[in-house]
Each structure stands twice: as C-alpha cells, then as structure tokens.
PDB file of N, CA and C in Angstrom:
ATOM      1  N   MET A   1       7.459   2.908 -12.947  1.00  0.00           N
ATOM      2  CA  MET A   1       6.479   3.237 -11.937  1.00  0.00           C
ATOM      3  C   MET A   1       6.688   2.322 -10.703  1.00  0.00           C
ATOM      4  N   LYS A   2       6.802   2.963  -9.524  1.00  0.00           N
ATOM      5  CA  LYS A   2       6.982   2.193  -8.312  1.00  0.00           C
ATOM      6  C   LYS A   2       5.622   2.015  -7.651  1.00  0.00           C
ATOM      7  N   ILE A   3       5.321   0.768  -7.378  1.00  0.00           N
ATOM      8  CA  ILE A   3       4.041   0.351  -6.698  1.00  0.00           C
ATOM      9  C   ILE A   3       4.384  -0.261  -5.408  1.00  0.00           C
ATOM     10  N   ALA A   4       3.603   0.092  -4.374  1.00  0.00           N
ATOM     11  CA  ALA A   4       3.789  -0.502  -3.040  1.00  0.00           C
ATOM     12  C   ALA A   4       2.520  -1.248  -2.654  1.00  0.00           C
ATOM     13  N   VAL A   5       2.756  -2.382  -1.955  1.00  0.00           N
ATOM     14  CA  VAL A   5       1.618  -3.213  -1.495  1.00  0.00           C
ATOM     15  C   VAL A   5       1.951  -3.562  -0.048  1.00  0.00           C
ATOM     16  N   PRO A   6       1.012  -3.323   0.890  1.00  0.00           N
ATOM     17  CA  PRO A   6       1.173  -3.747   2.291  1.00  0.00           C
ATOM     18  C   PRO A   6       1.141  -5.255   2.362  1.00  0.00           C
ATOM     19  N   VAL A   7       2.125  -5.885   3.041  1.00  0.00           N
ATOM     20  CA  VAL A   7       2.241  -7.307   3.023  1.00  0.00           C
ATOM     21  C   VAL A   7       2.405  -7.879   4.448  1.00  0.00           C
ATOM     22  N   LEU A   8       2.022  -9.179   4.539  1.00  0.00           N
ATOM     23  CA  LEU A   8       2.125  -9.904   5.804  1.00  0.00           C
ATOM     24  C   LEU A   8       3.487 -10.608   5.965  1.00  0.00           C
ATOM     25  N   ASP A   9       4.155 -10.821   4.856  1.00  0.00           N
ATOM     26  CA  ASP A   9       5.447 -11.540   4.893  1.00  0.00           C
ATOM     27  C   ASP A   9       6.381 -10.954   3.857  1.00  0.00           C
ATOM     28  N   THR A  10       7.545 -11.542   3.657  1.00  0.00           N
ATOM     29  CA  THR A  10       8.565 -10.969   2.791  1.00  0.00           C
ATOM     30  C   THR A  10       8.893 -11.905   1.620  1.00  0.00           C
ATOM     31  N   ARG A  11       7.891 -12.586   1.165  1.00  0.00           N
ATOM     32  CA  ARG A  11       8.122 -13.529  -0.018  1.00  0.00           C
ATOM     33  C   ARG A  11       8.017 -12.863  -1.399  1.00  0.00           C
ATOM     34  N   GLU A  12       8.362 -11.638  -1.467  1.00  0.00           N
ATOM     35  CA  GLU A  12       8.356 -10.852  -2.670  1.00  0.00           C
ATOM     36  C   GLU A  12       6.967 -10.931  -3.325  1.00  0.00           C
ATOM     37  N   LEU A  13       6.939 -11.366  -4.607  1.00  0.00           N
ATOM     38  CA  LEU A  13       5.696 -11.384  -5.322  1.00  0.00           C
ATOM     39  C   LEU A  13       4.637 -12.370  -4.792  1.00  0.00           C
ATOM     40  N   ASP A  14       5.149 -13.344  -3.986  1.00  0.00           N
ATOM     41  CA  ASP A  14       4.244 -14.322  -3.397  1.00  0.00           C
ATOM     42  C   ASP A  14       3.767 -13.887  -2.011  1.00  0.00           C
ATOM     43  N   ALA A  15       4.177 -12.730  -1.525  1.00  0.00           N
ATOM     44  CA  ALA A  15       3.774 -12.205  -0.205  1.00  0.00           C
ATOM     45  C   ALA A  15       2.278 -11.976  -0.243  1.00  0.00           C
ATOM     46  N   GLN A  16       1.632 -12.240   0.898  1.00  0.00           N
ATOM     47  CA  GLN A  16       0.183 -12.021   1.024  1.00  0.00           C
ATOM     48  C   GLN A  16      -0.122 -10.561   1.340  1.00  0.00           C
ATOM     49  N   VAL A  17      -1.077 -10.010   0.681  1.00  0.00           N
ATOM     50  CA  VAL A  17      -1.555  -8.651   0.898  1.00  0.00           C
ATOM     51  C   VAL A  17      -2.148  -8.561   2.291  1.00  0.00           C
ATOM     52  N   SER A  18      -1.713  -7.560   3.038  1.00  0.00           N
ATOM     53  CA  SER A  18      -2.313  -7.311   4.382  1.00  0.00           C
ATOM     54  C   SER A  18      -3.595  -6.574   4.252  1.00  0.00           C
ATOM     55  N   GLU A  19      -4.618  -7.029   4.983  1.00  0.00           N
ATOM     56  CA  GLU A  19      -5.926  -6.366   4.908  1.00  0.00           C
ATOM     57  C   GLU A  19      -5.921  -5.046   5.774  1.00  0.00           C
ATOM     58  N   HIS A  20      -4.970  -4.966   6.680  1.00  0.00           N
ATOM     59  CA  HIS A  20      -4.915  -3.771   7.528  1.00  0.00           C
ATOM     60  C   HIS A  20      -3.666  -2.944   7.197  1.00  0.00           C
ATOM     61  N   PHE A  21      -3.867  -1.953   6.345  1.00  0.00           N
ATOM     62  CA  PHE A  21      -2.820  -1.197   5.721  1.00  0.00           C
ATOM     63  C   PHE A  21      -1.760  -0.719   6.707  1.00  0.00           C
ATOM     64  N   GLY A  22      -2.156   0.111   7.654  1.00  0.00           N
ATOM     65  CA  GLY A  22      -1.195   0.741   8.585  1.00  0.00           C
ATOM     66  C   GLY A  22      -0.545  -0.222   9.518  1.00  0.00           C
ATOM     67  N   ARG A  23      -1.167  -1.400   9.691  1.00  0.00           N
ATOM     68  CA  ARG A  23      -0.619  -2.393  10.613  1.00  0.00           C
ATOM     69  C   ARG A  23       0.109  -3.554   9.890  1.00  0.00           C
ATOM     70  N   ALA A  24       0.305  -3.339   8.587  1.00  0.00           N
ATOM     71  CA  ALA A  24       1.069  -4.334   7.812  1.00  0.00           C
ATOM     72  C   ALA A  24       2.526  -4.334   8.312  1.00  0.00           C
ATOM     73  N   PRO A  25       3.127  -5.479   8.549  1.00  0.00           N
ATOM     74  CA  PRO A  25       4.481  -5.531   9.025  1.00  0.00           C
ATOM     75  C   PRO A  25       5.526  -4.983   8.057  1.00  0.00           C
ATOM     76  N   ALA A  26       5.152  -4.975   6.744  1.00  0.00           N
ATOM     77  CA  ALA A  26       6.085  -4.501   5.699  1.00  0.00           C
ATOM     78  C   ALA A  26       5.340  -4.085   4.460  1.00  0.00           C
ATOM     79  N   PHE A  27       6.081  -3.446   3.566  1.00  0.00           N
ATOM     80  CA  PHE A  27       5.520  -3.042   2.246  1.00  0.00           C
ATOM     81  C   PHE A  27       6.441  -3.645   1.233  1.00  0.00           C
ATOM     82  N   MET A  28       5.844  -4.231   0.174  1.00  0.00           N
ATOM     83  CA  MET A  28       6.643  -4.688  -0.953  1.00  0.00           C
ATOM     84  C   MET A  28       6.562  -3.599  -2.017  1.00  0.00           C
ATOM     85  N   ILE A  29       7.700  -3.143  -2.442  1.00  0.00           N
ATOM     86  CA  ILE A  29       7.781  -2.139  -3.508  1.00  0.00           C
ATOM     87  C   ILE A  29       8.327  -2.775  -4.754  1.00  0.00           C
ATOM     88  N   VAL A  30       7.585  -2.585  -5.836  1.00  0.00           N
ATOM     89  CA  VAL A  30       7.954  -3.216  -7.113  1.00  0.00           C
ATOM     90  C   VAL A  30       8.030  -2.050  -8.121  1.00  0.00           C
ATOM     91  N   ASP A  31       9.145  -1.971  -8.818  1.00  0.00           N
ATOM     92  CA  ASP A  31       9.306  -1.021  -9.897  1.00  0.00           C
ATOM     93  C   ASP A  31       8.907  -1.729 -11.145  1.00  0.00           C
ATOM     94  N   LEU A  32       7.762  -1.338 -11.737  1.00  0.00           N
ATOM     95  CA  LEU A  32       7.272  -2.016 -12.933  1.00  0.00           C
ATOM     96  C   LEU A  32       8.185  -1.851 -14.168  1.00  0.00           C
ATOM     97  N   ASN A  33       9.014  -0.793 -14.185  1.00  0.00           N
ATOM     98  CA  ASN A  33       9.901  -0.537 -15.308  1.00  0.00           C
ATOM     99  C   ASN A  33      11.141  -1.378 -15.246  1.00  0.00           C
ATOM    100  N   THR A  34      11.767  -1.459 -14.033  1.00  0.00           N
ATOM    101  CA  THR A  34      13.020  -2.181 -13.862  1.00  0.00           C
ATOM    102  C   THR A  34      12.859  -3.610 -13.338  1.00  0.00           C
ATOM    103  N   LYS A  35      11.653  -3.901 -12.841  1.00  0.00           N
ATOM    104  CA  LYS A  35      11.326  -5.195 -12.193  1.00  0.00           C
ATOM    105  C   LYS A  35      12.019  -5.356 -10.852  1.00  0.00           C
ATOM    106  N   GLU A  36      12.681  -4.314 -10.361  1.00  0.00           N
ATOM    107  CA  GLU A  36      13.328  -4.357  -9.054  1.00  0.00           C
ATOM    108  C   GLU A  36      12.301  -4.480  -7.955  1.00  0.00           C
ATOM    109  N   LYS A  37      12.619  -5.286  -6.948  1.00  0.00           N
ATOM    110  CA  LYS A  37      11.724  -5.474  -5.793  1.00  0.00           C
ATOM    111  C   LYS A  37      12.460  -5.148  -4.520  1.00  0.00           C
ATOM    112  N   LYS A  38      11.706  -4.570  -3.590  1.00  0.00           N
ATOM    113  CA  LYS A  38      12.329  -4.171  -2.313  1.00  0.00           C
ATOM    114  C   LYS A  38      11.261  -4.316  -1.199  1.00  0.00           C
ATOM    115  N   VAL A  39      11.719  -4.940  -0.081  1.00  0.00           N
ATOM    116  CA  VAL A  39      10.844  -5.033   1.099  1.00  0.00           C
ATOM    117  C   VAL A  39      11.244  -3.917   2.000  1.00  0.00           C
ATOM    118  N   VAL A  40      10.291  -3.113   2.432  1.00  0.00           N
ATOM    119  CA  VAL A  40      10.488  -2.014   3.369  1.00  0.00           C
ATOM    120  C   VAL A  40       9.734  -2.324   4.623  1.00  0.00           C
ATOM    121  N   PRO A  41      10.410  -2.489   5.815  1.00  0.00           N
ATOM    122  CA  PRO A  41       9.665  -2.730   7.030  1.00  0.00           C
ATOM    123  C   PRO A  41       8.820  -1.547   7.364  1.00  0.00           C
ATOM    124  N   ASN A  42       7.700  -1.806   7.945  1.00  0.00           N
ATOM    125  CA  ASN A  42       6.752  -0.743   8.423  1.00  0.00           C
ATOM    126  C   ASN A  42       7.228  -0.319   9.808  1.00  0.00           C
ATOM    127  N   ASP A  43       8.017   0.692   9.882  1.00  0.00           N
ATOM    128  CA  ASP A  43       8.481   1.171  11.169  1.00  0.00           C
ATOM    129  C   ASP A  43       7.696   2.443  11.572  1.00  0.00           C
ATOM    130  N   GLY A  44       6.455   2.485  11.174  1.00  0.00           N
ATOM    131  CA  GLY A  44       5.586   3.616  11.437  1.00  0.00           C
ATOM    132  C   GLY A  44       5.052   3.612  12.871  1.00  0.00           C
ATOM    133  N   GLU A  45       4.165   4.553  13.110  1.00  0.00           N
ATOM    134  CA  GLU A  45       3.679   4.804  14.467  1.00  0.00           C
ATOM    135  C   GLU A  45       2.955   3.625  15.107  1.00  0.00           C
ATOM    136  N   HIS A  46       2.382   2.747  14.287  1.00  0.00           N
ATOM    137  CA  HIS A  46       1.740   1.563  14.859  1.00  0.00           C
ATOM    138  C   HIS A  46       2.759   0.532  15.409  1.00  0.00           C
ATOM    139  N   PHE A  47       4.009   0.746  15.009  1.00  0.00           N
ATOM    140  CA  PHE A  47       5.065  -0.191  15.473  1.00  0.00           C
ATOM    141  C   PHE A  47       6.116   0.529  16.285  1.00  0.00           C
ATOM    142  N   GLY A  48       5.709   1.654  16.915  1.00  0.00           N
ATOM    143  CA  GLY A  48       6.552   2.398  17.817  1.00  0.00           C
ATOM    144  C   GLY A  48       7.427   3.498  17.146  1.00  0.00           C
ATOM    145  N   GLY A  49       7.316   3.688  15.846  1.00  0.00           N
ATOM    146  CA  GLY A  49       8.055   4.686  15.154  1.00  0.00           C
ATOM    147  C   GLY A  49       7.341   6.041  15.229  1.00  0.00           C
ATOM    148  N   THR A  50       7.918   7.059  14.586  1.00  0.00           N
ATOM    149  CA  THR A  50       7.362   8.402  14.650  1.00  0.00           C
ATOM    150  C   THR A  50       6.716   8.793  13.381  1.00  0.00           C
ATOM    151  N   ARG A  51       6.956   8.034  12.280  1.00  0.00           N
ATOM    152  CA  ARG A  51       6.326   8.394  11.014  1.00  0.00           C
ATOM    153  C   ARG A  51       5.094   7.568  10.744  1.00  0.00           C
ATOM    154  N   VAL A  52       4.392   7.923   9.709  1.00  0.00           N
ATOM    155  CA  VAL A  52       3.240   7.118   9.283  1.00  0.00           C
ATOM    156  C   VAL A  52       3.576   6.544   7.911  1.00  0.00           C
ATOM    157  N   ALA A  53       2.808   5.469   7.579  1.00  0.00           N
ATOM    158  CA  ALA A  53       3.093   4.729   6.343  1.00  0.00           C
ATOM    159  C   ALA A  53       3.171   5.576   5.080  1.00  0.00           C
ATOM    160  N   PRO A  54       2.265   6.557   4.890  1.00  0.00           N
ATOM    161  CA  PRO A  54       2.372   7.402   3.686  1.00  0.00           C
ATOM    162  C   PRO A  54       3.739   8.117   3.594  1.00  0.00           C
ATOM    163  N   GLU A  55       4.292   8.549   4.742  1.00  0.00           N
ATOM    164  CA  GLU A  55       5.611   9.187   4.706  1.00  0.00           C
ATOM    165  C   GLU A  55       6.677   8.180   4.321  1.00  0.00           C
ATOM    166  N   ILE A  56       6.623   6.985   4.878  1.00  0.00           N
ATOM    167  CA  ILE A  56       7.613   5.995   4.594  1.00  0.00           C
ATOM    168  C   ILE A  56       7.667   5.696   3.070  1.00  0.00           C
ATOM    169  N   LEU A  57       6.462   5.517   2.494  1.00  0.00           N
ATOM    170  CA  LEU A  57       6.392   5.197   1.083  1.00  0.00           C
ATOM    171  C   LEU A  57       6.759   6.344   0.165  1.00  0.00           C
ATOM    172  N   ALA A  58       6.421   7.564   0.561  1.00  0.00           N
ATOM    173  CA  ALA A  58       6.809   8.745  -0.192  1.00  0.00           C
ATOM    174  C   ALA A  58       8.319   8.822  -0.170  1.00  0.00           C
ATOM    175  N   ASP A  59       9.006   8.555   0.874  1.00  0.00           N
ATOM    176  CA  ASP A  59      10.436   8.602   0.948  1.00  0.00           C
ATOM    177  C   ASP A  59      11.061   7.581   0.018  1.00  0.00           C
ATOM    178  N   GLU A  60      10.340   6.501  -0.308  1.00  0.00           N
ATOM    179  CA  GLU A  60      10.861   5.429  -1.183  1.00  0.00           C
ATOM    180  C   GLU A  60      10.579   5.727  -2.653  1.00  0.00           C
ATOM    181  N   GLY A  61       9.878   6.823  -2.938  1.00  0.00           N
ATOM    182  CA  GLY A  61       9.569   7.207  -4.299  1.00  0.00           C
ATOM    183  C   GLY A  61       8.366   6.442  -4.906  1.00  0.00           C
ATOM    184  N   VAL A  62       7.536   5.960  -4.053  1.00  0.00           N
ATOM    185  CA  VAL A  62       6.351   5.207  -4.470  1.00  0.00           C
ATOM    186  C   VAL A  62       5.381   6.159  -5.172  1.00  0.00           C
ATOM    187  N   GLU A  63       4.828   5.677  -6.308  1.00  0.00           N
ATOM    188  CA  GLU A  63       3.823   6.479  -7.017  1.00  0.00           C
ATOM    189  C   GLU A  63       2.402   5.985  -6.901  1.00  0.00           C
ATOM    190  N   VAL A  64       2.297   4.638  -6.652  1.00  0.00           N
ATOM    191  CA  VAL A  64       0.956   4.005  -6.544  1.00  0.00           C
ATOM    192  C   VAL A  64       0.972   2.986  -5.415  1.00  0.00           C
ATOM    193  N   VAL A  65      -0.091   2.949  -4.652  1.00  0.00           N
ATOM    194  CA  VAL A  65      -0.279   1.979  -3.584  1.00  0.00           C
ATOM    195  C   VAL A  65      -1.500   1.121  -3.922  1.00  0.00           C
ATOM    196  N   LEU A  66      -1.328  -0.169  -3.798  1.00  0.00           N
ATOM    197  CA  LEU A  66      -2.388  -1.121  -3.978  1.00  0.00           C
ATOM    198  C   LEU A  66      -2.652  -1.751  -2.676  1.00  0.00           C
ATOM    199  N   CYS A  67      -3.954  -1.700  -2.196  1.00  0.00           N
ATOM    200  CA  CYS A  67      -4.259  -2.278  -0.900  1.00  0.00           C
ATOM    201  C   CYS A  67      -5.701  -2.751  -0.860  1.00  0.00           C
ATOM    202  N   SER A  68      -5.972  -3.487   0.197  1.00  0.00           N
ATOM    203  CA  SER A  68      -7.354  -3.980   0.414  1.00  0.00           C
ATOM    204  C   SER A  68      -8.238  -2.784   0.755  1.00  0.00           C
ATOM    205  N   GLY A  69      -7.804  -2.042   1.747  1.00  0.00           N
ATOM    206  CA  GLY A  69      -8.505  -0.877   2.171  1.00  0.00           C
ATOM    207  C   GLY A  69      -7.687  -0.109   3.172  1.00  0.00           C
ATOM    208  N   LEU A  70      -8.128   1.133   3.527  1.00  0.00           N
ATOM    209  CA  LEU A  70      -7.394   1.920   4.449  1.00  0.00           C
ATOM    210  C   LEU A  70      -8.273   3.038   4.968  1.00  0.00           C
ATOM    211  N   GLY A  71      -7.823   3.757   5.952  1.00  0.00           N
ATOM    212  CA  GLY A  71      -8.619   4.788   6.605  1.00  0.00           C
ATOM    213  C   GLY A  71      -8.580   6.119   5.844  1.00  0.00           C
ATOM    214  N   PRO A  72      -9.511   6.993   6.197  1.00  0.00           N
ATOM    215  CA  PRO A  72      -9.578   8.300   5.507  1.00  0.00           C
ATOM    216  C   PRO A  72      -8.329   9.181   5.726  1.00  0.00           C
ATOM    217  N   ARG A  73      -7.717   9.088   6.898  1.00  0.00           N
ATOM    218  CA  ARG A  73      -6.491   9.863   7.186  1.00  0.00           C
ATOM    219  C   ARG A  73      -5.380   9.473   6.206  1.00  0.00           C
ATOM    220  N   ALA A  74      -5.204   8.171   6.015  1.00  0.00           N
ATOM    221  CA  ALA A  74      -4.191   7.665   5.089  1.00  0.00           C
ATOM    222  C   ALA A  74      -4.478   8.092   3.666  1.00  0.00           C
ATOM    223  N   ILE A  75      -5.737   8.022   3.234  1.00  0.00           N
ATOM    224  CA  ILE A  75      -6.099   8.437   1.855  1.00  0.00           C
ATOM    225  C   ILE A  75      -5.727   9.903   1.702  1.00  0.00           C
ATOM    226  N   ASN A  76      -6.069  10.735   2.669  1.00  0.00           N
ATOM    227  CA  ASN A  76      -5.761  12.197   2.549  1.00  0.00           C
ATOM    228  C   ASN A  76      -4.222  12.416   2.539  1.00  0.00           C
ATOM    229  N   MET A  77      -3.508  11.645   3.332  1.00  0.00           N
ATOM    230  CA  MET A  77      -2.027  11.883   3.384  1.00  0.00           C
ATOM    231  C   MET A  77      -1.406  11.455   2.048  1.00  0.00           C
ATOM    232  N   PHE A  78      -1.882  10.321   1.473  1.00  0.00           N
ATOM    233  CA  PHE A  78      -1.350   9.901   0.209  1.00  0.00           C
ATOM    234  C   PHE A  78      -1.643  10.994  -0.855  1.00  0.00           C
ATOM    235  N   GLU A  79      -2.822  11.553  -0.820  1.00  0.00           N
ATOM    236  CA  GLU A  79      -3.158  12.621  -1.783  1.00  0.00           C
ATOM    237  C   GLU A  79      -2.182  13.775  -1.665  1.00  0.00           C
ATOM    238  N   GLN A  80      -1.831  14.152  -0.412  1.00  0.00           N
ATOM    239  CA  GLN A  80      -0.884  15.255  -0.184  1.00  0.00           C
ATOM    240  C   GLN A  80       0.477  14.900  -0.752  1.00  0.00           C
ATOM    241  N   PHE A  81       0.906  13.703  -0.739  1.00  0.00           N
ATOM    242  CA  PHE A  81       2.182  13.252  -1.264  1.00  0.00           C
ATOM    243  C   PHE A  81       2.115  13.032  -2.768  1.00  0.00           C
ATOM    244  N   GLY A  82       0.946  13.091  -3.375  1.00  0.00           N
ATOM    245  CA  GLY A  82       0.822  12.851  -4.802  1.00  0.00           C
ATOM    246  C   GLY A  82       0.868  11.336  -5.152  1.00  0.00           C
ATOM    247  N   ILE A  83       0.559  10.528  -4.213  1.00  0.00           N
ATOM    248  CA  ILE A  83       0.581   9.049  -4.434  1.00  0.00           C
ATOM    249  C   ILE A  83      -0.841   8.598  -4.656  1.00  0.00           C
ATOM    250  N   GLU A  84      -1.057   7.852  -5.747  1.00  0.00           N
ATOM    251  CA  GLU A  84      -2.404   7.333  -6.025  1.00  0.00           C
ATOM    252  C   GLU A  84      -2.616   6.043  -5.257  1.00  0.00           C
ATOM    253  N   VAL A  85      -3.817   5.833  -4.778  1.00  0.00           N
ATOM    254  CA  VAL A  85      -4.159   4.643  -4.004  1.00  0.00           C
ATOM    255  C   VAL A  85      -5.300   3.915  -4.653  1.00  0.00           C
ATOM    256  N   TYR A  86      -5.095   2.600  -4.895  1.00  0.00           N
ATOM    257  CA  TYR A  86      -6.167   1.787  -5.433  1.00  0.00           C
ATOM    258  C   TYR A  86      -6.510   0.681  -4.437  1.00  0.00           C
ATOM    259  N   VAL A  87      -7.828   0.462  -4.223  1.00  0.00           N
ATOM    260  CA  VAL A  87      -8.349  -0.427  -3.247  1.00  0.00           C
ATOM    261  C   VAL A  87      -8.976  -1.691  -3.899  1.00  0.00           C
ATOM    262  N   GLY A  88      -9.098  -2.709  -3.094  1.00  0.00           N
ATOM    263  CA  GLY A  88      -9.745  -3.957  -3.559  1.00  0.00           C
ATOM    264  C   GLY A  88      -8.666  -5.041  -3.804  1.00  0.00           C
ATOM    265  N   ALA A  89      -7.405  -4.750  -3.493  1.00  0.00           N
ATOM    266  CA  ALA A  89      -6.390  -5.767  -3.679  1.00  0.00           C
ATOM    267  C   ALA A  89      -6.502  -6.937  -2.698  1.00  0.00           C
ATOM    268  N   SER A  90      -6.215  -8.149  -3.125  1.00  0.00           N
ATOM    269  CA  SER A  90      -6.216  -9.312  -2.284  1.00  0.00           C
ATOM    270  C   SER A  90      -5.311 -10.377  -2.830  1.00  0.00           C
ATOM    271  N   GLY A  91      -5.116 -11.424  -2.101  1.00  0.00           N
ATOM    272  CA  GLY A  91      -4.269 -12.483  -2.553  1.00  0.00           C
ATOM    273  C   GLY A  91      -2.792 -12.161  -2.321  1.00  0.00           C
ATOM    274  N   THR A  92      -1.975 -12.345  -3.361  1.00  0.00           N
ATOM    275  CA  THR A  92      -0.583 -12.050  -3.301  1.00  0.00           C
ATOM    276  C   THR A  92      -0.235 -10.715  -3.929  1.00  0.00           C
ATOM    277  N   VAL A  93       1.029 -10.273  -3.788  1.00  0.00           N
ATOM    278  CA  VAL A  93       1.483  -9.082  -4.464  1.00  0.00           C
ATOM    279  C   VAL A  93       1.285  -9.241  -5.930  1.00  0.00           C
ATOM    280  N   LYS A  94       1.652 -10.390  -6.508  1.00  0.00           N
ATOM    281  CA  LYS A  94       1.503 -10.667  -7.921  1.00  0.00           C
ATOM    282  C   LYS A  94       0.051 -10.534  -8.366  1.00  0.00           C
ATOM    283  N   ASP A  95      -0.896 -11.075  -7.510  1.00  0.00           N
ATOM    284  CA  ASP A  95      -2.354 -10.944  -7.819  1.00  0.00           C
ATOM    285  C   ASP A  95      -2.787  -9.445  -7.830  1.00  0.00           C
ATOM    286  N   ALA A  96      -2.283  -8.655  -6.840  1.00  0.00           N
ATOM    287  CA  ALA A  96      -2.679  -7.279  -6.779  1.00  0.00           C
ATOM    288  C   ALA A  96      -2.165  -6.526  -7.940  1.00  0.00           C
ATOM    289  N   ILE A  97      -0.931  -6.731  -8.360  1.00  0.00           N
ATOM    290  CA  ILE A  97      -0.372  -6.031  -9.565  1.00  0.00           C
ATOM    291  C   ILE A  97      -1.133  -6.423 -10.786  1.00  0.00           C
ATOM    292  N   GLU A  98      -1.429  -7.679 -10.973  1.00  0.00           N
ATOM    293  CA  GLU A  98      -2.214  -8.104 -12.151  1.00  0.00           C
ATOM    294  C   GLU A  98      -3.613  -7.500 -12.173  1.00  0.00           C
ATOM    295  N   ALA A  99      -4.240  -7.431 -10.978  1.00  0.00           N
ATOM    296  CA  ALA A  99      -5.568  -6.797 -10.903  1.00  0.00           C
ATOM    297  C   ALA A  99      -5.514  -5.327 -11.252  1.00  0.00           C
ATOM    298  N   PHE A 100      -4.438  -4.637 -10.791  1.00  0.00           N
ATOM    299  CA  PHE A 100      -4.245  -3.210 -11.123  1.00  0.00           C
ATOM    300  C   PHE A 100      -4.047  -3.045 -12.602  1.00  0.00           C
ATOM    301  N   GLN A 101      -3.187  -3.809 -13.162  1.00  0.00           N
ATOM    302  CA  GLN A 101      -2.889  -3.704 -14.624  1.00  0.00           C
ATOM    303  C   GLN A 101      -4.084  -4.062 -15.472  1.00  0.00           C
ATOM    304  N   SER A 102      -4.983  -4.875 -14.922  1.00  0.00           N
ATOM    305  CA  SER A 102      -6.192  -5.274 -15.706  1.00  0.00           C
ATOM    306  C   SER A 102      -7.367  -4.293 -15.434  1.00  0.00           C
ATOM    307  N   GLY A 103      -7.158  -3.289 -14.637  1.00  0.00           N
ATOM    308  CA  GLY A 103      -8.177  -2.331 -14.319  1.00  0.00           C
ATOM    309  C   GLY A 103      -9.250  -2.792 -13.336  1.00  0.00           C
ATOM    310  N   LEU A 104      -8.963  -3.837 -12.543  1.00  0.00           N
ATOM    311  CA  LEU A 104      -9.949  -4.423 -11.665  1.00  0.00           C
ATOM    312  C   LEU A 104      -9.976  -3.682 -10.301  1.00  0.00           C
ATOM    313  N   LEU A 105      -8.947  -2.906  -9.966  1.00  0.00           N
ATOM    314  CA  LEU A 105      -8.931  -2.163  -8.685  1.00  0.00           C
ATOM    315  C   LEU A 105      -9.453  -0.729  -8.989  1.00  0.00           C
ATOM    316  N   HIS A 106     -10.052  -0.078  -7.986  1.00  0.00           N
ATOM    317  CA  HIS A 106     -10.513   1.285  -8.285  1.00  0.00           C
ATOM    318  C   HIS A 106      -9.809   2.270  -7.365  1.00  0.00           C
ATOM    319  N   LYS A 107      -9.691   3.476  -7.848  1.00  0.00           N
ATOM    320  CA  LYS A 107      -8.993   4.535  -7.124  1.00  0.00           C
ATOM    321  C   LYS A 107      -9.747   4.867  -5.829  1.00  0.00           C
ATOM    322  N   ALA A 108      -8.952   4.972  -4.752  1.00  0.00           N
ATOM    323  CA  ALA A 108      -9.585   5.184  -3.401  1.00  0.00           C
ATOM    324  C   ALA A 108     -10.149   6.613  -3.305  1.00  0.00           C
ATOM    325  N   SER A 109     -11.216   6.714  -2.581  1.00  0.00           N
ATOM    326  CA  SER A 109     -11.777   8.016  -2.256  1.00  0.00           C
ATOM    327  C   SER A 109     -12.227   7.920  -0.762  1.00  0.00           C
ATOM    328  N   ASP A 110     -12.671   8.977  -0.213  1.00  0.00           N
ATOM    329  CA  ASP A 110     -13.114   8.977   1.181  1.00  0.00           C
ATOM    330  C   ASP A 110     -14.199   7.966   1.427  1.00  0.00           C
ATOM    331  N   SER A 111     -15.037   7.720   0.413  1.00  0.00           N
ATOM    332  CA  SER A 111     -16.129   6.762   0.597  1.00  0.00           C
ATOM    333  C   SER A 111     -15.662   5.343   0.688  1.00  0.00           C
ATOM    334  N   ASP A 112     -14.378   5.086   0.231  1.00  0.00           N
ATOM    335  CA  ASP A 112     -13.830   3.750   0.337  1.00  0.00           C
ATOM    336  C   ASP A 112     -13.123   3.500   1.650  1.00  0.00           C
ATOM    337  N   ALA A 113     -12.977   4.494   2.464  1.00  0.00           N
ATOM    338  CA  ALA A 113     -12.238   4.346   3.677  1.00  0.00           C
ATOM    339  C   ALA A 113     -12.922   3.317   4.614  1.00  0.00           C
ATOM    340  N   CYS A 114     -12.086   2.479   5.220  1.00  0.00           N
ATOM    341  CA  CYS A 114     -12.544   1.445   6.126  1.00  0.00           C
ATOM    342  C   CYS A 114     -13.414   2.087   7.266  1.00  0.00           C
ATOM    343  N   GLU A 115     -14.534   1.515   7.504  1.00  0.00           N
ATOM    344  CA  GLU A 115     -15.421   2.069   8.569  1.00  0.00           C
ATOM    345  C   GLU A 115     -14.743   2.034   9.955  1.00  0.00           C
ATOM    346  N   MET A 116     -13.917   1.014  10.179  1.00  0.00           N
ATOM    347  CA  MET A 116     -13.281   0.902  11.521  1.00  0.00           C
ATOM    348  C   MET A 116     -12.280   2.045  11.754  1.00  0.00           C
ATOM    349  N   HIS A 117     -11.914   2.779  10.708  1.00  0.00           N
ATOM    350  CA  HIS A 117     -10.994   3.856  10.866  1.00  0.00           C
ATOM    351  C   HIS A 117     -11.642   5.218  10.924  1.00  0.00           C
ATOM    352  N   ARG A 118     -12.965   5.269  10.942  1.00  0.00           N
ATOM    353  CA  ARG A 118     -13.665   6.574  11.028  1.00  0.00           C
ATOM    354  C   ARG A 118     -13.892   6.869  12.512  1.00  0.00           C
ATOM    355  N   HIS A 119     -13.183   7.893  12.945  1.00  0.00           N
ATOM    356  CA  HIS A 119     -13.253   8.270  14.363  1.00  0.00           C
ATOM    357  C   HIS A 119     -13.973   9.580  14.498  1.00  0.00           C
TER     358      HIS A 119
END
C-alpha cells in the first residue's frame, strides 16, 4: 500500500507534516509493503504547475493520503481517483503513519474540509 503525506522538508520519515496540503513543498510517499520511500516535489498549480496535487499523487500510484486537513475540492478529486484520505495527521511522517495504523486518523469527508478553503 502506497501512502502519501504532504511534507515541509525531505527528511523522509522524520519530515514534518505540512498543515496546508496543496501548498506543501513536497509529498513523502511510503510503500508499506516494500518500505520504499520517495520524495515527490509538489509541482502543482500553487507552485506554477498545471496539475493539482491529487493528480500528482494518482500518477505515483498512491492509495492513501494522510494529512492534517484539506479543502473540499481536493477531497472530491481524491475520491474521483479512488484515493482514500485520512485527516488529523501531525508531527512527522513516521507519527502520521503510526497514527493511521493505530486507527487514530479518520477518513475525510466534506465536513472535514478546511474552512479557509470553502469559497
């Protein structure tokens, strides 16, 4: 299972979770089966690109996203790509994965969308 976490830096499992999903400078992708780790730069529309973060992560084969929070548009796009999103992540990538595996994060819904992203 490939999991992606929006991060502020590239320190792999010690990278800090970004609180602002779409504006995270990168995503840490961890394959829980193979333990392979990959940093993917966020070259989405917030950084001058033409794609959005859900497209970037879908292209990487991500199945689950762990994040602090995100907007309703992103939640809907992830649903369209068949990617599950869990919110409430904080700390490091390692912390977020442990919280997910322990059942401490909950699946995102429209009611979880960040208020600042409701336009």
